[in-house]
Structure formats: structure tokens, C-alpha cells
C-alpha atoms as a PDB file:
ATOM      1  CA  MET A   1     -11.300-109.580-278.200  1.00  0.00           C
ATOM      2  CA  THR A   2     -14.828-107.657-279.411  1.00  0.00           C
ATOM      3  CA  GLY A   3     -15.767-104.725-279.872  1.00  0.00           C
ATOM      4  CA  VAL A   4     -17.328-102.333-281.791  1.00  0.00           C
ATOM      5  CA  GLN A   5     -15.795-100.047-284.928  1.00  0.00           C
ATOM      6  CA  THR A   6     -16.717 -97.168-287.098  1.00  0.00           C
ATOM      7  CA  CYS A   7     -16.361 -95.325-289.945  1.00  0.00           C
ATOM      8  CA  ALA A   8     -17.462 -92.340-288.889  1.00  0.00           C
ATOM      9  CA  LEU A   9     -16.629 -91.782-285.246  1.00  0.00           C
ATOM     10  CA  PRO A  10     -13.656 -92.418-282.741  1.00  0.00           C
ATOM     11  CA  ILE A  11     -13.664 -95.578-281.177  1.00  0.00           C
ATOM     12  CA  CYS A  12     -12.021 -97.836-278.718  1.00  0.00           C
ATOM     13  CA  LEU A  13     -12.535-101.219-278.520  1.00  0.00           C
ATOM     14  CA  LEU A  14     -13.462-103.820-275.012  1.00  0.00           C
ATOM     15  CA  THR A  15     -13.393-107.398-274.537  1.00  0.00           C
ATOM     16  CA  GLY A  16     -16.298-109.080-275.074  1.00  0.00           C
ATOM     17  CA  ILE A  17     -17.249-112.995-274.331  1.00  0.00           C
ATOM     18  CA  GLY A  18     -19.203-115.087-276.551  1.00  0.00           C
ATOM     19  CA  THR A  19     -19.938-119.127-276.590  1.00  0.00           C
ATOM     20  CA  MET A  20     -20.622-120.914-279.131  1.00  0.00           C
ATOM     21  CA  LEU A  21     -22.058-124.568-280.048  1.00  0.00           C
ATOM     22  CA  GLU A  22     -21.130-125.588-283.717  1.00  0.00           C
ATOM     23  CA  LEU A  23     -22.440-128.309-286.003  1.00  0.00           C
ATOM     24  CA  ASP A  24     -20.681-130.040-288.891  1.00  0.00           C
ATOM     25  CA  PHE A  25     -22.481-131.856-291.605  1.00  0.00           C
ATOM     26  CA  PHE A  26     -19.889-133.600-293.921  1.00  0.00           C
ATOM     27  CA  PHE A  27     -20.558-133.469-297.691  1.00  0.00           C
ATOM     28  CA  ALA A  28     -17.267-134.977-298.570  1.00  0.00           C
ATOM     29  CA  GLU A  29     -14.185-136.438-296.172  1.00  0.00           C
ATOM     30  CA  ARG A  30     -12.358-133.268-295.402  1.00  0.00           C
ATOM     31  CA  TYR A  31     -15.511-130.588-296.435  1.00  0.00           C
ATOM     32  CA  SER A  32     -18.592-130.109-294.544  1.00  0.00           C
ATOM     33  CA  PHE A  33     -21.141-127.244-293.884  1.00  0.00           C
ATOM     34  CA  CYS A  34     -20.864-125.508-290.632  1.00  0.00           C
ATOM     35  CA  THR A  35     -23.375-124.440-288.502  1.00  0.00           C
ATOM     36  CA  GLY A  36     -24.890-123.485-284.851  1.00  0.00           C
ATOM     37  CA  LEU A  37     -25.873-121.297-282.291  1.00  0.00           C
ATOM     38  CA  ILE A  38     -23.369-118.468-280.839  1.00  0.00           C
ATOM     39  CA  LEU A  39     -23.998-115.787-277.959  1.00  0.00           C
ATOM     40  CA  ASP A  40     -21.666-113.046-278.412  1.00  0.00           C
ATOM     41  CA  ASN A  41     -21.331-110.262-276.019  1.00  0.00           C
ATOM     42  CA  THR A  42     -20.383-107.170-277.279  1.00  0.00           C
ATOM     43  CA  GLY A  43     -18.909-103.598-276.598  1.00  0.00           C
ATOM     44  CA  GLY A  44     -17.856-100.401-277.661  1.00  0.00           C
ATOM     45  CA  ARG A  45     -17.673 -96.743-276.652  1.00  0.00           C
ATOM     46  CA  LEU A  46     -18.253 -93.815-279.176  1.00  0.00           C
ATOM     47  CA  SER A  47     -17.415 -90.100-279.259  1.00  0.00           C
ATOM     48  CA  TYR A  48     -19.490 -87.900-280.951  1.00  0.00           C
ATOM     49  CA  PRO A  49     -18.041 -84.780-282.765  1.00  0.00           C
ATOM     50  CA  ASP A  50     -21.478 -82.622-282.052  1.00  0.00           C
ATOM     51  CA  THR A  51     -23.882 -82.394-279.467  1.00  0.00           C
ATOM     52  CA  ILE A  52     -26.420 -85.129-279.984  1.00  0.00           C
ATOM     53  CA  GLU A  53     -29.850 -86.374-278.245  1.00  0.00           C
ATOM     54  CA  LEU A  54     -30.118 -90.261-277.620  1.00  0.00           C
ATOM     55  CA  LYS A  55     -33.316 -92.081-277.143  1.00  0.00           C
ATOM     56  CA  VAL A  56     -32.999 -93.461-273.365  1.00  0.00           C
ATOM     57  CA  PRO A  57     -36.098 -94.538-271.181  1.00  0.00           C
ATOM     58  CA  GLY A  58     -37.443 -91.207-269.779  1.00  0.00           C
ATOM     59  CA  GLU A  59     -36.945 -88.213-271.304  1.00  0.00           C
ATOM     60  CA  PRO A  60     -34.132 -87.988-274.147  1.00  0.00           C
ATOM     61  CA  ALA A  61     -30.456 -87.632-273.339  1.00  0.00           C
ATOM     62  CA  SER A  62     -28.240 -84.875-274.625  1.00  0.00           C
ATOM     63  CA  VAL A  63     -24.787 -85.670-274.866  1.00  0.00           C
ATOM     64  CA  PRO A  64     -22.514 -82.943-275.738  1.00  0.00           C
ATOM     65  CA  ALA A  65     -20.166 -82.841-277.965  1.00  0.00           C
ATOM     66  CA  GLY A  66     -16.775 -85.039-277.476  1.00  0.00           C
ATOM     67  CA  SER A  67     -18.423 -87.296-274.614  1.00  0.00           C
ATOM     68  CA  GLU A  68     -18.226 -90.928-274.891  1.00  0.00           C
ATOM     69  CA  VAL A  69     -21.180 -93.374-274.987  1.00  0.00           C
ATOM     70  CA  LYS A  70     -20.376 -96.856-273.696  1.00  0.00           C
ATOM     71  CA  PHE A  71     -22.520 -99.600-275.917  1.00  0.00           C
ATOM     72  CA  ARG A  72     -22.972-102.897-273.888  1.00  0.00           C
ATOM     73  CA  LEU A  73     -24.828-105.232-276.730  1.00  0.00           C
ATOM     74  CA  GLN A  74     -25.474-108.417-276.864  1.00  0.00           C
ATOM     75  CA  TYR A  75     -26.372-110.791-279.850  1.00  0.00           C
ATOM     76  CA  LEU A  76     -27.756-114.350-280.690  1.00  0.00           C
ATOM     77  CA  GLY A  77     -26.677-115.411-284.346  1.00  0.00           C
ATOM     78  CA  ILE A  78     -26.454-118.941-286.399  1.00  0.00           C
ATOM     79  CA  PRO A  79     -23.506-119.380-288.484  1.00  0.00           C
ATOM     80  CA  VAL A  80     -23.622-120.790-291.653  1.00  0.00           C
ATOM     81  CA  GLY A  81     -20.061-121.675-293.153  1.00  0.00           C
ATOM     82  CA  LEU A  82     -18.137-123.918-294.920  1.00  0.00           C
ATOM     83  CA  LYS A  83     -15.393-125.490-293.104  1.00  0.00           C
ATOM     84  CA  LEU A  84     -12.541-127.339-295.453  1.00  0.00           C
ATOM     85  CA  LYS A  85      -9.453-129.393-293.344  1.00  0.00           C
ATOM     86  CA  THR A  86      -6.410-130.783-294.296  1.00  0.00           C
ATOM     87  CA  GLN A  87      -5.537-134.509-293.822  1.00  0.00           C
ATOM     88  CA  GLU A  88      -4.381-135.402-290.564  1.00  0.00           C
ATOM     89  CA  ILE A  89      -0.526-135.415-290.427  1.00  0.00           C
ATOM     90  CA  GLY A  90       0.933-137.092-287.237  1.00  0.00           C
ATOM     91  CA  TYR A  91      -1.822-136.397-284.558  1.00  0.00           C
ATOM     92  CA  THR A  92      -3.071-133.124-286.107  1.00  0.00           C
ATOM     93  CA  THR A  93      -5.550-131.700-288.615  1.00  0.00           C
ATOM     94  CA  PHE A  94      -5.440-127.806-290.158  1.00  0.00           C
ATOM     95  CA  PHE A  95      -8.877-125.845-290.822  1.00  0.00           C
ATOM     96  CA  ILE A  96     -10.517-122.398-292.224  1.00  0.00           C
ATOM     97  CA  ASN A  97     -13.405-121.752-291.755  1.00  0.00           C
ATOM     98  CA  LEU A  98     -15.517-119.015-293.467  1.00  0.00           C
ATOM     99  CA  GLY A  99     -19.458-117.724-293.788  1.00  0.00           C
ATOM    100  CA  VAL A 100     -22.226-115.581-292.576  1.00  0.00           C
ATOM    101  CA  THR A 101     -24.000-115.297-289.386  1.00  0.00           C
ATOM    102  CA  PRO A 102     -26.838-113.623-288.999  1.00  0.00           C
ATOM    103  CA  MET A 103     -27.869-112.061-285.557  1.00  0.00           C
ATOM    104  CA  VAL A 104     -30.404-111.094-283.588  1.00  0.00           C
ATOM    105  CA  ASN A 105     -29.943-108.380-280.814  1.00  0.00           C
ATOM    106  CA  LEU A 106     -30.993-109.445-277.521  1.00  0.00           C
ATOM    107  CA  ARG A 107     -29.870-106.564-274.911  1.00  0.00           C
ATOM    108  CA  SER A 108     -29.207-103.080-275.665  1.00  0.00           C
ATOM    109  CA  ARG A 109     -27.510-100.979-272.570  1.00  0.00           C
ATOM    110  CA  ILE A 110     -25.981 -97.702-272.976  1.00  0.00           C
ATOM    111  CA  SER A 111     -24.618 -94.856-270.728  1.00  0.00           C
ATOM    112  CA  SER A 112     -22.243 -91.876-270.930  1.00  0.00           C
ATOM    113  CA  GLU A 113     -20.684 -90.980-267.400  1.00  0.00           C
ATOM    114  CA  GLY A 114     -22.808 -88.460-265.545  1.00  0.00           C
ATOM    115  CA  ILE A 115     -25.199 -87.698-268.370  1.00  0.00           C
ATOM    116  CA  ILE A 116     -26.661 -91.587-269.468  1.00  0.00           C
ATOM    117  CA  PRO A 117     -26.964 -93.525-266.094  1.00  0.00           C
ATOM    118  CA  ASP A 118     -25.381 -97.420-266.635  1.00  0.00           C
ATOM    119  CA  ARG A 119     -27.441 -99.946-267.772  1.00  0.00           C
ATOM    120  CA  SER A 120     -30.048 -98.022-269.515  1.00  0.00           C
ATOM    121  CA  ASP A 121     -31.867 -99.295-272.274  1.00  0.00           C
ATOM    122  CA  GLY A 122     -30.365 -98.513-275.235  1.00  0.00           C
ATOM    123  CA  LYS A 123     -32.924-100.522-278.022  1.00  0.00           C
ATOM    124  CA  ASP A 124     -33.964 -97.315-279.499  1.00  0.00           C
ATOM    125  CA  GLU A 125     -30.616 -96.764-280.372  1.00  0.00           C
ATOM    126  CA  THR A 126     -29.736 -99.907-281.931  1.00  0.00           C
ATOM    127  CA  ARG A 127     -30.976-101.900-284.737  1.00  0.00           C
ATOM    128  CA  LEU A 128     -32.303-105.621-283.917  1.00  0.00           C
ATOM    129  CA  PHE A 129     -30.585-107.454-286.987  1.00  0.00           C
ATOM    130  CA  ASN A 130     -26.961-107.677-287.493  1.00  0.00           C
ATOM    131  CA  MET A 131     -25.275-109.612-290.139  1.00  0.00           C
ATOM    132  CA  ASN A 132     -21.467-110.288-289.523  1.00  0.00           C
ATOM    133  CA  TYR A 133     -19.117-112.507-291.966  1.00  0.00           C
ATOM    134  CA  PHE A 134     -16.187-114.624-290.720  1.00  0.00           C
ATOM    135  CA  ILE A 135     -12.704-116.135-291.253  1.00  0.00           C
ATOM    136  CA  LEU A 136     -11.557-118.350-288.745  1.00  0.00           C
ATOM    137  CA  ALA A 137      -8.248-120.841-288.952  1.00  0.00           C
ATOM    138  CA  GLY A 138      -6.951-123.392-286.520  1.00  0.00           C
ATOM    139  CA  ILE A 139      -5.658-126.470-285.758  1.00  0.00           C
ATOM    140  CA  GLU A 140      -7.335-129.949-284.176  1.00  0.00           C
ATOM    141  CA  TYR A 141      -4.811-132.544-282.098  1.00  0.00           C
ATOM    142  CA  SER A 142      -6.904-135.852-282.001  1.00  0.00           C
ATOM    143  CA  LEU A 143      -6.701-137.757-278.684  1.00  0.00           C
ATOM    144  CA  GLY A 144      -7.994-140.767-279.784  1.00  0.00           C
ATOM    145  CA  GLY A 145     -10.634-141.975-281.408  1.00  0.00           C
ATOM    146  CA  SER A 146     -13.099-139.263-282.441  1.00  0.00           C
ATOM    147  CA  THR A 147     -11.883-136.977-279.600  1.00  0.00           C
ATOM    148  CA  SER A 148      -9.673-133.769-280.574  1.00  0.00           C
ATOM    149  CA  LEU A 149      -8.733-130.653-279.012  1.00  0.00           C
ATOM    150  CA  ILE A 150      -9.374-127.152-281.064  1.00  0.00           C
ATOM    151  CA  GLY A 151      -7.730-123.991-281.228  1.00  0.00           C
ATOM    152  CA  GLY A 152      -8.256-121.626-283.841  1.00  0.00           C
ATOM    153  CA  ILE A 153      -7.814-117.793-284.366  1.00  0.00           C
ATOM    154  CA  GLY A 154     -10.424-115.684-286.511  1.00  0.00           C
ATOM    155  CA  PHE A 155     -11.747-112.466-287.605  1.00  0.00           C
ATOM    156  CA  ASN A 156     -15.676-111.646-287.389  1.00  0.00           C
ATOM    157  CA  SER A 157     -17.411-108.040-289.494  1.00  0.00           C
ATOM    158  CA  GLY A 158     -20.260-106.964-289.831  1.00  0.00           C
ATOM    159  CA  PHE A 159     -22.144-105.915-293.106  1.00  0.00           C
ATOM    160  CA  THR A 160     -24.978-103.954-291.271  1.00  0.00           C
ATOM    161  CA  ASP A 161     -24.672-100.534-289.420  1.00  0.00           C
ATOM    162  CA  ILE A 162     -25.820-101.528-285.785  1.00  0.00           C
ATOM    163  CA  THR A 163     -27.206 -98.132-284.665  1.00  0.00           C
ATOM    164  CA  SER A 164     -30.635 -96.222-285.488  1.00  0.00           C
ATOM    165  CA  ARG A 165     -29.043 -93.343-286.189  1.00  0.00           C
ATOM    166  CA  ALA A 166     -28.947 -92.753-290.190  1.00  0.00           C
ATOM    167  CA  GLU A 167     -25.777 -90.619-289.955  1.00  0.00           C
ATOM    168  CA  ASP A 168     -23.763 -93.172-287.709  1.00  0.00           C
ATOM    169  CA  LYS A 169     -22.155 -96.172-289.464  1.00  0.00           C
ATOM    170  CA  VAL A 170     -21.188 -98.394-286.791  1.00  0.00           C
ATOM    171  CA  PHE A 171     -20.048-101.770-287.455  1.00  0.00           C
ATOM    172  CA  THR A 172     -19.197-105.034-284.787  1.00  0.00           C
ATOM    173  CA  ARG A 173     -15.655-106.374-285.905  1.00  0.00           C
ATOM    174  CA  SER A 174     -13.718-108.388-283.478  1.00  0.00           C
ATOM    175  CA  PHE A 175     -11.288-111.070-283.199  1.00  0.00           C
ATOM    176  CA  SER A 176     -11.647-114.559-281.629  1.00  0.00           C
ATOM    177  CA  LEU A 177      -9.743-116.787-279.552  1.00  0.00           C
ATOM    178  CA  LYS A 178     -11.713-120.233-280.174  1.00  0.00           C
ATOM    179  CA  ALA A 179     -10.730-123.220-277.605  1.00  0.00           C
ATOM    180  CA  GLY A 180     -12.575-126.721-277.426  1.00  0.00           C
ATOM    181  CA  LEU A 181     -13.335-130.333-277.681  1.00  0.00           C
ATOM    182  CA  LEU A 182     -14.094-132.102-280.571  1.00  0.00           C
ATOM    183  CA  PHE A 183     -16.191-135.350-279.468  1.00  0.00           C
END
């Protein structure tokens, strides 16, 4: 489950889907640097306490107080982290993965019912770059040889405000489920 979290404004979380290609570079038997490529689709709804002007293509849109603005964002990120694994117990290994993910905004869409049409370009309302930290705990189950099933649960949180409005403080936050095949 992913979403946008704010410090100053009410929020409703939405679900999202992300994909990841992960690479581990071992510097010891059970310790590795990890990196990869992430395509993260996330979003959320913001409700502003006052009437605001949002920059959308064409004329600026005036959003009345209390109206919800829906954000749909797509980021491309390169995680950089450290993975720590336990010794194998039976066929099972536990791990923890922590680090940071610098991200670039590939697409930003905003909408507000009756005010801003669906799929309106929101690039003027969002920042191009985002930076998150992550922590993930998981399990690997060996299927034989170097092949394993992987599962885990994680938390990501942003360091940087994703909106271009100086008075807003909106950060991405998400919980994630990881499932995959290691070969």
C-alpha cells in the first residue's frame, strides 16, 4: 500500500503498484550493498483548508476550501542500501535491507471533481526530484542451488516535499510487500 502523507493537511491514502529490479554486491558472506531500479506508482488526496489556485494546463484552477485534489505520481528511482542476512536455518534465511532511494518524477497527474478534469498534467504542482529512506525485513526460502523464494514487508518515507507550493509540506510514505524469485 502506498500513498502521500502530509504534515499540515488532511490526507487519504491510496494504493499503488511498484516494480523493482534488485542487484546485490556482496562484500562479505552475508553482507551486501544493494541497488537496482524502481518504478513506483503512488498517489493520494489532499484537502486544503483554504481556497487555493493550482497550476494546470490552460488557466489556473481555483479549488474551494475543503475540496479534495487527487494526485497520481510515477517515480523512477535507484535505491542504494545495505542488506544484512542471517546464516541459513534449514532452508530459510532472514534479511534486513535499509538505505535511501533518490527518485525522479516521470509523470504527475492531478484532478479534483468538477474543478480539474481527470488526468490533468500536474508537473507545475509537483517537484521533479524526491528522496526516500527505506527499511525492509524479509525471508528467503531455498528451492535448491542458488534459487530462492523471497518475501518481505517494508516501510518507505520521504525526506523531501513533493509539492512545488512553499506553504505545503507533503511527503511520500508507503508500506510495501515484497515477493519474488532469486536466481
